[in-house]
Amino acid sequence: MNLTPPQRPNNALQRVCTILKPESEELRVPPRKYITWKHKGHQQIYFFLDGQFSILRESDKLLLVTVFEPYIFGIAEMIQPVNSHIMRTESEVTLLRISAEKAHQLIQQHQLWEDIASILAYNTAYLVYRDVLTLQQGTYNIICNHLRDMILLPEEMRSKITILKYIQDRTHLSRSSILNIISSLNKNHYISYRRGGYLISVNDLPDHL
């Protein structure tokens, strides 16, 4: 099955950023740092302006998504502060930080709830998309789905992470299972990668090998 991720609500993101930015604190955060949902005991909202960062499941550190475009996090936690995920920078990032309480006031004041609903709907759709990549499928299909997902990344980002690490970070598949299938796909010219295992191209992947 050929999967495509949901469409980002860029206009909604821009409108929310425009309202929150003047009341936010801008920070530069180095790579490989974890960002907590609370600051000085208060729930926060973060708007990432540039750089790469990942969202991981807190229970087992399974990587759910790596984001490389401006995006906001903490809206769902503002409403339901479960805090079951953590954020980790993958490169130096610039972000805005604002308390959830203040953000709520601004959202209410500027009638941004339709934009907020659009952002939350995208988040839900992305989680469904990610589940389809991994759940109730055999190893081969999971790997193919992640290859299709990986090739959508900017070339600069793909050049910094190997196929093996990309799939291992996002699944519980073994190293040998991934490498065996990747090797077969490469041998039969369904994919190509450069030395070290950095993905170059993905062709029409067969339903099975």
N, C-alpha and C. Protein backbone atom coordinates (compact mmCIF):
# COMPACT_ATOMS: atom_id res chain seq x y z
N MET A 1 0.84 -1.18 0.00
CA MET A 1 0.00 0.00 0.00
C MET A 1 0.89 1.24 0.00
N ASN A 2 0.60 2.19 -0.90
CA ASN A 2 1.38 3.41 -1.00
C ASN A 2 0.79 4.45 -0.07
N LEU A 3 1.57 4.88 0.90
CA LEU A 3 1.07 5.80 1.92
C LEU A 3 1.66 7.18 1.73
N THR A 4 0.86 8.19 2.01
CA THR A 4 1.36 9.56 2.01
C THR A 4 0.94 10.22 3.32
N PRO A 5 1.82 11.02 3.89
CA PRO A 5 1.48 11.68 5.16
C PRO A 5 0.40 12.74 4.95
N PRO A 6 -0.31 13.12 6.02
CA PRO A 6 -1.34 14.15 5.90
C PRO A 6 -0.73 15.51 5.60
N GLN A 7 -1.54 16.42 5.10
CA GLN A 7 -1.05 17.74 4.71
C GLN A 7 -0.94 18.65 5.92
N ARG A 8 0.20 19.30 6.05
CA ARG A 8 0.43 20.21 7.18
C ARG A 8 -0.46 21.45 7.08
N PRO A 9 -1.02 21.90 8.20
CA PRO A 9 -1.86 23.10 8.19
C PRO A 9 -1.01 24.38 8.30
N ASN A 10 -0.26 24.68 7.25
CA ASN A 10 0.73 25.75 7.32
C ASN A 10 0.12 27.12 7.62
N ASN A 11 -1.04 27.41 7.03
CA ASN A 11 -1.65 28.72 7.26
C ASN A 11 -2.07 28.87 8.72
N ALA A 12 -2.64 27.81 9.28
CA ALA A 12 -3.04 27.85 10.68
C ALA A 12 -1.82 28.01 11.59
N LEU A 13 -0.75 27.29 11.28
CA LEU A 13 0.48 27.41 12.07
C LEU A 13 1.03 28.83 12.05
N GLN A 14 1.01 29.45 10.88
CA GLN A 14 1.53 30.81 10.76
C GLN A 14 0.70 31.80 11.56
N ARG A 15 -0.63 31.65 11.50
CA ARG A 15 -1.48 32.57 12.26
C ARG A 15 -1.25 32.44 13.76
N VAL A 16 -1.14 31.21 14.24
CA VAL A 16 -0.92 30.99 15.67
C VAL A 16 0.44 31.52 16.08
N CYS A 17 1.47 31.28 15.28
CA CYS A 17 2.81 31.77 15.58
C CYS A 17 2.83 33.29 15.66
N THR A 18 2.15 33.96 14.74
CA THR A 18 2.12 35.42 14.71
C THR A 18 1.56 35.99 16.00
N ILE A 19 0.54 35.34 16.56
CA ILE A 19 -0.08 35.82 17.79
C ILE A 19 0.76 35.50 19.02
N LEU A 20 1.33 34.30 19.07
CA LEU A 20 2.06 33.87 20.26
C LEU A 20 3.47 34.46 20.35
N LYS A 21 4.10 34.74 19.22
CA LYS A 21 5.52 35.13 19.22
C LYS A 21 5.83 36.35 20.08
N PRO A 22 5.06 37.44 19.99
CA PRO A 22 5.42 38.62 20.79
C PRO A 22 5.42 38.37 22.30
N GLU A 23 4.67 37.37 22.76
CA GLU A 23 4.58 37.08 24.19
C GLU A 23 5.46 35.90 24.61
N SER A 24 6.26 35.39 23.67
CA SER A 24 7.06 34.19 23.92
C SER A 24 8.52 34.54 24.17
N GLU A 25 9.21 33.60 24.78
CA GLU A 25 10.66 33.71 24.98
C GLU A 25 11.35 32.88 23.91
N GLU A 26 12.29 33.50 23.19
CA GLU A 26 13.02 32.79 22.14
C GLU A 26 14.28 32.16 22.72
N LEU A 27 14.51 30.88 22.39
CA LEU A 27 15.65 30.14 22.92
C LEU A 27 16.41 29.45 21.79
N ARG A 28 17.72 29.31 21.99
CA ARG A 28 18.53 28.45 21.13
C ARG A 28 18.94 27.24 21.96
N VAL A 29 18.67 26.05 21.44
CA VAL A 29 18.94 24.82 22.17
C VAL A 29 19.89 23.95 21.35
N PRO A 30 20.99 23.45 21.94
CA PRO A 30 21.96 22.64 21.20
C PRO A 30 21.40 21.24 20.89
N PRO A 31 22.10 20.49 20.04
CA PRO A 31 21.64 19.14 19.68
C PRO A 31 21.64 18.18 20.87
N ARG A 32 20.77 17.15 20.75
CA ARG A 32 20.70 16.03 21.69
C ARG A 32 20.30 16.45 23.10
N LYS A 33 19.48 17.48 23.19
CA LYS A 33 18.96 17.92 24.47
C LYS A 33 17.47 17.57 24.57
N TYR A 34 17.05 17.10 25.74
CA TYR A 34 15.65 16.82 25.98
C TYR A 34 14.96 18.08 26.50
N ILE A 35 13.76 18.30 26.03
CA ILE A 35 12.98 19.48 26.40
C ILE A 35 11.77 19.00 27.19
N THR A 36 11.59 19.54 28.37
CA THR A 36 10.48 19.12 29.23
C THR A 36 9.24 19.97 28.97
N TRP A 37 8.09 19.40 29.30
CA TRP A 37 6.83 20.10 29.06
C TRP A 37 6.60 21.23 30.04
N LYS A 38 7.30 21.18 31.18
CA LYS A 38 7.09 22.21 32.19
C LYS A 38 8.34 23.05 32.40
N HIS A 39 8.12 24.32 32.74
CA HIS A 39 9.21 25.24 33.07
C HIS A 39 8.79 26.01 34.32
N LYS A 40 9.61 25.88 35.35
CA LYS A 40 9.30 26.50 36.64
C LYS A 40 7.92 26.08 37.15
N GLY A 41 7.61 24.79 36.91
CA GLY A 41 6.37 24.22 37.42
C GLY A 41 5.14 24.50 36.60
N HIS A 42 5.28 25.18 35.46
CA HIS A 42 4.13 25.55 34.64
C HIS A 42 4.19 24.87 33.27
N GLN A 43 3.05 24.38 32.82
CA GLN A 43 2.95 23.75 31.50
C GLN A 43 3.31 24.76 30.42
N GLN A 44 4.06 24.29 29.41
CA GLN A 44 4.54 25.17 28.35
C GLN A 44 4.05 24.74 26.97
N ILE A 45 4.07 25.69 26.06
CA ILE A 45 3.87 25.43 24.64
C ILE A 45 5.13 25.87 23.91
N TYR A 46 5.56 25.06 22.94
CA TYR A 46 6.79 25.34 22.20
C TYR A 46 6.49 25.47 20.72
N PHE A 47 7.01 26.53 20.11
CA PHE A 47 6.93 26.67 18.66
C PHE A 47 8.35 26.62 18.12
N PHE A 48 8.66 25.53 17.41
CA PHE A 48 9.99 25.34 16.84
C PHE A 48 10.07 26.12 15.52
N LEU A 49 11.04 27.02 15.44
CA LEU A 49 11.17 27.87 14.26
C LEU A 49 12.13 27.29 13.23
N ASP A 50 13.22 26.66 13.68
CA ASP A 50 14.16 26.03 12.75
C ASP A 50 14.92 24.92 13.45
N GLY A 51 15.62 24.11 12.65
CA GLY A 51 16.34 22.97 13.19
C GLY A 51 15.50 21.71 13.14
N GLN A 52 16.10 20.62 13.62
CA GLN A 52 15.44 19.31 13.61
C GLN A 52 15.27 18.81 15.04
N PHE A 53 14.12 18.24 15.32
CA PHE A 53 13.87 17.68 16.64
C PHE A 53 12.92 16.50 16.50
N SER A 54 12.91 15.65 17.52
CA SER A 54 12.10 14.44 17.48
C SER A 54 11.16 14.38 18.67
N ILE A 55 10.04 13.68 18.45
CA ILE A 55 9.11 13.35 19.52
C ILE A 55 9.25 11.87 19.80
N LEU A 56 9.50 11.53 21.07
CA LEU A 56 9.68 10.14 21.46
C LEU A 56 8.64 9.74 22.50
N ARG A 57 8.26 8.47 22.47
CA ARG A 57 7.37 7.94 23.50
C ARG A 57 8.18 7.80 24.79
N GLU A 58 7.70 8.37 25.86
CA GLU A 58 8.49 8.42 27.09
C GLU A 58 8.73 7.04 27.67
N SER A 59 7.78 6.13 27.53
CA SER A 59 7.87 4.82 28.18
C SER A 59 9.05 3.99 27.69
N ASP A 60 9.35 4.05 26.38
CA ASP A 60 10.43 3.22 25.84
C ASP A 60 11.35 3.96 24.87
N LYS A 61 11.17 5.28 24.76
CA LYS A 61 11.99 6.14 23.89
C LYS A 61 11.85 5.78 22.41
N LEU A 62 10.74 5.14 22.02
CA LEU A 62 10.50 4.88 20.60
C LEU A 62 10.28 6.20 19.89
N LEU A 63 11.00 6.41 18.79
CA LEU A 63 10.90 7.66 18.06
C LEU A 63 9.63 7.65 17.21
N LEU A 64 8.78 8.63 17.41
CA LEU A 64 7.50 8.70 16.70
C LEU A 64 7.59 9.55 15.45
N VAL A 65 8.28 10.66 15.53
CA VAL A 65 8.41 11.53 14.35
C VAL A 65 9.58 12.47 14.55
N THR A 66 10.29 12.76 13.46
CA THR A 66 11.30 13.80 13.45
C THR A 66 10.80 14.94 12.59
N VAL A 67 10.83 16.14 13.13
CA VAL A 67 10.26 17.31 12.46
C VAL A 67 11.38 18.24 12.03
N PHE A 68 11.28 18.75 10.81
CA PHE A 68 12.32 19.63 10.29
C PHE A 68 11.74 20.92 9.73
N GLU A 69 10.45 21.14 9.93
CA GLU A 69 9.80 22.37 9.52
C GLU A 69 9.19 23.04 10.75
N PRO A 70 8.93 24.35 10.70
CA PRO A 70 8.33 25.02 11.86
C PRO A 70 7.05 24.32 12.32
N TYR A 71 6.95 24.11 13.62
CA TYR A 71 5.76 23.43 14.14
C TYR A 71 5.58 23.73 15.62
N ILE A 72 4.34 23.61 16.08
CA ILE A 72 3.99 23.90 17.47
C ILE A 72 3.68 22.61 18.22
N PHE A 73 4.14 22.53 19.46
CA PHE A 73 3.85 21.37 20.31
C PHE A 73 3.42 21.85 21.69
N GLY A 74 2.50 21.11 22.27
CA GLY A 74 2.03 21.42 23.61
C GLY A 74 0.57 21.82 23.67
N ILE A 75 -0.08 21.93 22.51
CA ILE A 75 -1.49 22.33 22.51
C ILE A 75 -2.34 21.25 23.16
N ALA A 76 -2.13 19.99 22.75
CA ALA A 76 -2.91 18.90 23.34
C ALA A 76 -2.64 18.81 24.84
N GLU A 77 -1.36 19.00 25.21
CA GLU A 77 -0.99 18.92 26.62
C GLU A 77 -1.56 20.09 27.42
N MET A 78 -1.81 21.21 26.75
CA MET A 78 -2.46 22.35 27.40
C MET A 78 -3.87 21.98 27.85
N ILE A 79 -4.53 21.13 27.04
CA ILE A 79 -5.91 20.74 27.33
C ILE A 79 -5.95 19.48 28.19
N GLN A 80 -5.08 18.51 27.87
CA GLN A 80 -4.98 17.26 28.61
C GLN A 80 -3.52 16.98 28.91
N PRO A 81 -3.00 17.47 30.03
CA PRO A 81 -1.56 17.36 30.33
C PRO A 81 -1.12 15.96 30.76
N VAL A 82 -1.18 15.02 29.83
CA VAL A 82 -0.76 13.64 30.12
C VAL A 82 0.76 13.54 30.12
N ASN A 83 1.39 14.26 29.20
CA ASN A 83 2.86 14.30 29.11
C ASN A 83 3.47 12.91 28.94
N SER A 84 2.93 12.15 27.99
CA SER A 84 3.43 10.80 27.73
C SER A 84 4.53 10.77 26.68
N HIS A 85 4.89 11.95 26.15
CA HIS A 85 5.94 12.03 25.14
C HIS A 85 7.00 13.02 25.60
N ILE A 86 8.18 12.90 25.01
CA ILE A 86 9.26 13.84 25.29
C ILE A 86 9.81 14.35 23.96
N MET A 87 10.48 15.50 24.03
CA MET A 87 11.05 16.11 22.84
C MET A 87 12.57 16.10 22.95
N ARG A 88 13.23 15.86 21.82
CA ARG A 88 14.69 15.84 21.78
C ARG A 88 15.19 16.58 20.56
N THR A 89 16.12 17.49 20.73
CA THR A 89 16.68 18.20 19.58
C THR A 89 17.67 17.28 18.85
N GLU A 90 17.63 17.32 17.53
CA GLU A 90 18.57 16.54 16.72
C GLU A 90 19.65 17.44 16.12
N SER A 91 19.39 18.72 16.08
CA SER A 91 20.36 19.72 15.66
C SER A 91 20.15 20.93 16.56
N GLU A 92 20.93 21.96 16.39
CA GLU A 92 20.63 23.19 17.11
C GLU A 92 19.30 23.73 16.62
N VAL A 93 18.43 24.11 17.53
CA VAL A 93 17.11 24.58 17.14
C VAL A 93 16.85 25.96 17.75
N THR A 94 16.00 26.71 17.08
CA THR A 94 15.47 27.95 17.62
C THR A 94 14.00 27.71 17.93
N LEU A 95 13.59 28.02 19.14
CA LEU A 95 12.20 27.79 19.51
C LEU A 95 11.66 28.95 20.34
N LEU A 96 10.34 29.05 20.33
CA LEU A 96 9.62 29.98 21.19
C LEU A 96 8.99 29.19 22.33
N ARG A 97 9.07 29.74 23.53
CA ARG A 97 8.46 29.09 24.69
C ARG A 97 7.49 30.07 25.35
N ILE A 98 6.29 29.57 25.61
CA ILE A 98 5.26 30.39 26.24
C ILE A 98 4.45 29.50 27.18
N SER A 99 4.04 30.03 28.30
CA SER A 99 3.25 29.23 29.23
C SER A 99 1.91 28.87 28.59
N ALA A 100 1.43 27.68 28.89
CA ALA A 100 0.16 27.24 28.33
C ALA A 100 -0.97 28.16 28.77
N GLU A 101 -0.88 28.67 29.98
CA GLU A 101 -1.92 29.57 30.48
C GLU A 101 -2.00 30.86 29.64
N LYS A 102 -0.84 31.45 29.37
CA LYS A 102 -0.80 32.66 28.56
C LYS A 102 -1.23 32.37 27.13
N ALA A 103 -0.77 31.24 26.58
CA ALA A 103 -1.15 30.87 25.22
C ALA A 103 -2.67 30.69 25.11
N HIS A 104 -3.27 30.07 26.11
CA HIS A 104 -4.72 29.87 26.12
C HIS A 104 -5.44 31.22 26.08
N GLN A 105 -4.97 32.18 26.85
CA GLN A 105 -5.57 33.51 26.86
C GLN A 105 -5.50 34.17 25.48
N LEU A 106 -4.33 34.06 24.82
CA LEU A 106 -4.16 34.67 23.51
C LEU A 106 -5.01 33.97 22.45
N ILE A 107 -5.09 32.65 22.53
CA ILE A 107 -5.92 31.89 21.59
C ILE A 107 -7.38 32.30 21.72
N GLN A 108 -7.82 32.45 22.96
CA GLN A 108 -9.20 32.87 23.22
C GLN A 108 -9.43 34.30 22.74
N GLN A 109 -8.50 35.18 23.06
CA GLN A 109 -8.64 36.59 22.72
C GLN A 109 -8.70 36.82 21.22
N HIS A 110 -7.89 36.07 20.46
CA HIS A 110 -7.81 36.28 19.01
C HIS A 110 -8.64 35.26 18.21
N GLN A 111 -9.47 34.50 18.92
CA GLN A 111 -10.40 33.56 18.27
C GLN A 111 -9.68 32.61 17.30
N LEU A 112 -8.67 31.95 17.84
CA LEU A 112 -7.85 31.04 17.03
C LEU A 112 -8.25 29.57 17.16
N TRP A 113 -9.40 29.30 17.75
CA TRP A 113 -9.75 27.91 18.03
C TRP A 113 -9.94 27.08 16.75
N GLU A 114 -10.38 27.70 15.68
CA GLU A 114 -10.49 26.95 14.42
C GLU A 114 -9.11 26.52 13.93
N ASP A 115 -8.13 27.41 14.06
CA ASP A 115 -6.76 27.05 13.69
C ASP A 115 -6.20 25.97 14.61
N ILE A 116 -6.51 26.08 15.89
CA ILE A 116 -6.06 25.08 16.85
C ILE A 116 -6.67 23.72 16.52
N ALA A 117 -7.95 23.72 16.16
CA ALA A 117 -8.61 22.46 15.78
C ALA A 117 -7.95 21.85 14.54
N SER A 118 -7.56 22.69 13.59
CA SER A 118 -6.89 22.21 12.38
C SER A 118 -5.55 21.57 12.71
N ILE A 119 -4.81 22.18 13.63
CA ILE A 119 -3.50 21.64 14.04
C ILE A 119 -3.67 20.32 14.79
N LEU A 120 -4.64 20.26 15.69
CA LEU A 120 -4.88 19.02 16.44
C LEU A 120 -5.36 17.90 15.51
N ALA A 121 -6.18 18.25 14.51
CA ALA A 121 -6.65 17.25 13.55
C ALA A 121 -5.47 16.69 12.76
N TYR A 122 -4.52 17.56 12.40
CA TYR A 122 -3.32 17.09 11.70
C TYR A 122 -2.51 16.15 12.58
N ASN A 123 -2.36 16.51 13.86
CA ASN A 123 -1.62 15.65 14.78
C ASN A 123 -2.23 14.26 14.85
N THR A 124 -3.56 14.21 14.96
CA THR A 124 -4.27 12.93 15.03
C THR A 124 -4.07 12.15 13.73
N ALA A 125 -4.20 12.83 12.60
CA ALA A 125 -4.04 12.17 11.30
C ALA A 125 -2.63 11.63 11.14
N TYR A 126 -1.63 12.36 11.66
CA TYR A 126 -0.26 11.88 11.54
C TYR A 126 -0.03 10.64 12.39
N LEU A 127 -0.63 10.60 13.58
CA LEU A 127 -0.49 9.41 14.42
C LEU A 127 -1.12 8.20 13.75
N VAL A 128 -2.27 8.40 13.10
CA VAL A 128 -2.91 7.31 12.36
C VAL A 128 -2.00 6.86 11.22
N TYR A 129 -1.43 7.82 10.51
CA TYR A 129 -0.51 7.51 9.41
C TYR A 129 0.68 6.70 9.92
N ARG A 130 1.24 7.12 11.06
CA ARG A 130 2.38 6.40 11.60
C ARG A 130 2.00 4.99 12.04
N ASP A 131 0.81 4.83 12.61
CA ASP A 131 0.37 3.50 13.04
C ASP A 131 0.22 2.57 11.85
N VAL A 132 -0.27 3.11 10.72
CA VAL A 132 -0.41 2.28 9.52
C VAL A 132 0.96 1.81 9.04
N LEU A 133 1.99 2.64 9.26
CA LEU A 133 3.35 2.26 8.86
C LEU A 133 3.84 1.02 9.59
N THR A 134 3.40 0.85 10.84
CA THR A 134 4.05 -0.14 11.70
C THR A 134 3.16 -1.24 12.26
N LEU A 135 1.87 -0.99 12.43
CA LEU A 135 1.05 -1.94 13.17
C LEU A 135 0.42 -2.99 12.27
N GLN A 136 0.30 -4.19 12.82
CA GLN A 136 -0.40 -5.31 12.18
C GLN A 136 0.11 -5.59 10.77
N GLN A 137 1.42 -5.48 10.60
CA GLN A 137 2.03 -5.78 9.31
C GLN A 137 3.28 -6.61 9.55
N GLY A 138 3.68 -7.36 8.50
CA GLY A 138 4.90 -8.13 8.58
C GLY A 138 6.13 -7.23 8.50
N THR A 139 7.26 -7.82 8.81
CA THR A 139 8.51 -7.07 8.82
C THR A 139 8.80 -6.41 7.48
N TYR A 140 8.57 -7.15 6.40
CA TYR A 140 8.86 -6.60 5.07
C TYR A 140 8.04 -5.35 4.79
N ASN A 141 6.74 -5.40 5.07
CA ASN A 141 5.87 -4.25 4.80
C ASN A 141 6.24 -3.05 5.68
N ILE A 142 6.60 -3.31 6.92
CA ILE A 142 7.00 -2.22 7.82
C ILE A 142 8.23 -1.51 7.27
N ILE A 143 9.20 -2.31 6.80
CA ILE A 143 10.43 -1.72 6.25
C ILE A 143 10.13 -0.93 4.98
N CYS A 144 9.31 -1.48 4.10
CA CYS A 144 8.96 -0.77 2.86
C CYS A 144 8.24 0.54 3.16
N ASN A 145 7.33 0.51 4.12
CA ASN A 145 6.60 1.72 4.48
C ASN A 145 7.54 2.80 5.00
N HIS A 146 8.54 2.39 5.79
CA HIS A 146 9.48 3.37 6.31
C HIS A 146 10.44 3.88 5.23
N LEU A 147 10.74 3.07 4.27
CA LEU A 147 11.54 3.55 3.14
C LEU A 147 10.77 4.60 2.35
N ARG A 148 9.49 4.36 2.12
CA ARG A 148 8.66 5.34 1.41
C ARG A 148 8.55 6.63 2.22
N ASP A 149 8.50 6.50 3.52
CA ASP A 149 8.43 7.67 4.39
C ASP A 149 9.76 8.42 4.39
N MET A 150 10.84 7.68 4.44
CA MET A 150 12.17 8.28 4.52
C MET A 150 12.52 9.06 3.26
N ILE A 151 12.11 8.55 2.10
CA ILE A 151 12.49 9.21 0.84
C ILE A 151 11.80 10.56 0.70
N LEU A 152 10.78 10.82 1.49
CA LEU A 152 10.09 12.12 1.46
C LEU A 152 10.86 13.20 2.21
N LEU A 153 11.86 12.80 3.00
CA LEU A 153 12.65 13.77 3.74
C LEU A 153 13.54 14.57 2.80
N PRO A 154 13.89 15.80 3.19
CA PRO A 154 14.87 16.55 2.38
C PRO A 154 16.18 15.78 2.27
N GLU A 155 16.85 15.93 1.15
CA GLU A 155 18.09 15.19 0.91
C GLU A 155 19.13 15.47 2.00
N GLU A 156 19.19 16.71 2.46
CA GLU A 156 20.16 17.06 3.50
C GLU A 156 19.92 16.25 4.78
N MET A 157 18.65 16.03 5.11
CA MET A 157 18.33 15.27 6.31
C MET A 157 18.63 13.79 6.10
N ARG A 158 18.31 13.26 4.90
CA ARG A 158 18.60 11.85 4.62
C ARG A 158 20.09 11.56 4.63
N SER A 159 20.89 12.56 4.29
CA SER A 159 22.34 12.34 4.23
C SER A 159 22.97 12.23 5.61
N LYS A 160 22.19 12.48 6.67
CA LYS A 160 22.73 12.47 8.02
C LYS A 160 22.27 11.28 8.84
N ILE A 161 21.42 10.43 8.27
CA ILE A 161 20.93 9.27 9.02
C ILE A 161 20.87 8.05 8.10
N THR A 162 21.39 6.94 8.58
CA THR A 162 21.37 5.73 7.76
C THR A 162 19.98 5.11 7.74
N ILE A 163 19.74 4.28 6.73
CA ILE A 163 18.47 3.56 6.65
C ILE A 163 18.27 2.72 7.89
N LEU A 164 19.31 2.04 8.32
CA LEU A 164 19.21 1.16 9.49
C LEU A 164 18.79 1.95 10.73
N LYS A 165 19.46 3.06 11.00
CA LYS A 165 19.14 3.83 12.19
C LYS A 165 17.73 4.42 12.10
N TYR A 166 17.36 4.90 10.93
CA TYR A 166 16.03 5.50 10.74
C TYR A 166 14.94 4.50 11.10
N ILE A 167 15.08 3.26 10.63
CA ILE A 167 14.05 2.25 10.88
C ILE A 167 14.13 1.72 12.31
N GLN A 168 15.35 1.50 12.80
CA GLN A 168 15.49 0.99 14.18
C GLN A 168 14.93 1.97 15.21
N ASP A 169 15.14 3.26 14.99
CA ASP A 169 14.65 4.26 15.93
C ASP A 169 13.13 4.27 16.01
N ARG A 170 12.47 3.85 14.93
CA ARG A 170 11.03 3.98 14.83
C ARG A 170 10.27 2.67 14.97
N THR A 171 10.99 1.57 15.11
CA THR A 171 10.37 0.25 15.24
C THR A 171 11.15 -0.57 16.26
N HIS A 172 10.66 -1.76 16.53
CA HIS A 172 11.39 -2.69 17.38
C HIS A 172 11.99 -3.83 16.56
N LEU A 173 12.19 -3.60 15.27
CA LEU A 173 12.76 -4.64 14.41
C LEU A 173 14.24 -4.83 14.68
N SER A 174 14.70 -6.05 14.49
CA SER A 174 16.11 -6.35 14.74
C SER A 174 16.99 -5.83 13.61
N ARG A 175 18.23 -5.61 13.94
CA ARG A 175 19.21 -5.14 12.96
C ARG A 175 19.32 -6.10 11.78
N SER A 176 19.38 -7.40 12.06
CA SER A 176 19.56 -8.39 10.99
C SER A 176 18.35 -8.42 10.06
N SER A 177 17.14 -8.31 10.61
CA SER A 177 15.93 -8.32 9.78
C SER A 177 15.93 -7.14 8.82
N ILE A 178 16.29 -5.99 9.32
CA ILE A 178 16.30 -4.79 8.48
C ILE A 178 17.36 -4.90 7.40
N LEU A 179 18.57 -5.29 7.78
CA LEU A 179 19.68 -5.35 6.82
C LEU A 179 19.44 -6.39 5.74
N ASN A 180 18.85 -7.53 6.09
CA ASN A 180 18.59 -8.58 5.09
C ASN A 180 17.63 -8.08 4.02
N ILE A 181 16.58 -7.41 4.43
CA ILE A 181 15.59 -6.93 3.46
C ILE A 181 16.14 -5.76 2.65
N ILE A 182 16.84 -4.85 3.30
CA ILE A 182 17.45 -3.72 2.59
C ILE A 182 18.44 -4.22 1.55
N SER A 183 19.22 -5.21 1.91
CA SER A 183 20.20 -5.76 0.97
C SER A 183 19.52 -6.38 -0.24
N SER A 184 18.44 -7.12 -0.01
CA SER A 184 17.71 -7.74 -1.12
C SER A 184 17.08 -6.70 -2.04
N LEU A 185 16.50 -5.67 -1.44
CA LEU A 185 15.88 -4.61 -2.25
C LEU A 185 16.93 -3.88 -3.08
N ASN A 186 18.09 -3.65 -2.51
CA ASN A 186 19.17 -2.98 -3.24
C ASN A 186 19.69 -3.87 -4.37
N LYS A 187 19.86 -5.15 -4.07
CA LYS A 187 20.37 -6.10 -5.08
C LYS A 187 19.46 -6.18 -6.28
N ASN A 188 18.15 -6.06 -6.04
CA ASN A 188 17.17 -6.14 -7.13
C ASN A 188 16.78 -4.77 -7.68
N HIS A 189 17.56 -3.74 -7.30
CA HIS A 189 17.41 -2.38 -7.85
C HIS A 189 16.08 -1.71 -7.51
N TYR A 190 15.48 -2.10 -6.39
CA TYR A 190 14.26 -1.42 -5.94
C TYR A 190 14.60 -0.17 -5.13
N ILE A 191 15.78 -0.13 -4.54
CA ILE A 191 16.27 1.05 -3.85
C ILE A 191 17.74 1.22 -4.17
N SER A 192 18.27 2.39 -3.87
CA SER A 192 19.72 2.59 -3.99
C SER A 192 20.17 3.42 -2.79
N TYR A 193 21.37 3.15 -2.36
CA TYR A 193 21.92 3.93 -1.26
C TYR A 193 23.43 4.03 -1.43
N ARG A 194 24.02 5.07 -0.85
CA ARG A 194 25.45 5.26 -0.97
C ARG A 194 26.17 4.56 0.19
N ARG A 195 27.46 4.52 0.09
CA ARG A 195 28.29 3.83 1.08
C ARG A 195 27.93 4.28 2.50
N GLY A 196 27.75 3.31 3.36
CA GLY A 196 27.35 3.62 4.73
C GLY A 196 25.87 3.41 4.98
N GLY A 197 25.09 3.25 3.88
CA GLY A 197 23.66 2.97 4.05
C GLY A 197 22.78 4.20 4.05
N TYR A 198 23.15 5.25 3.30
CA TYR A 198 22.37 6.48 3.22
C TYR A 198 21.49 6.44 1.97
N LEU A 199 20.19 6.54 2.17
CA LEU A 199 19.22 6.32 1.10
C LEU A 199 19.32 7.38 0.00
N ILE A 200 19.32 6.91 -1.25
CA ILE A 200 19.35 7.80 -2.41
C ILE A 200 18.01 7.80 -3.13
N SER A 201 17.47 6.60 -3.40
CA SER A 201 16.22 6.54 -4.17
C SER A 201 15.40 5.31 -3.77
N VAL A 202 14.10 5.40 -4.00
CA VAL A 202 13.18 4.29 -3.80
C VAL A 202 12.31 4.18 -5.04
N ASN A 203 12.32 3.01 -5.67
CA ASN A 203 11.48 2.77 -6.84
C ASN A 203 10.19 2.09 -6.41
N ASP A 204 9.42 1.56 -7.33
CA ASP A 204 8.18 0.86 -6.99
C ASP A 204 8.54 -0.43 -6.25
N LEU A 205 8.25 -0.46 -4.98
CA LEU A 205 8.60 -1.62 -4.16
C LEU A 205 7.59 -2.74 -4.38
N PRO A 206 8.04 -3.98 -4.53
CA PRO A 206 7.12 -5.10 -4.74
C PRO A 206 6.35 -5.44 -3.47
N ASP A 207 5.24 -6.14 -3.63
CA ASP A 207 4.44 -6.54 -2.48
C ASP A 207 5.19 -7.54 -1.60
N HIS A 208 6.09 -8.26 -2.20
CA HIS A 208 6.92 -9.20 -1.44
C HIS A 208 8.17 -9.51 -2.22
N LEU A 209 9.17 -10.04 -1.56
CA LEU A 209 10.42 -10.42 -2.23
C LEU A 209 10.39 -11.89 -2.61
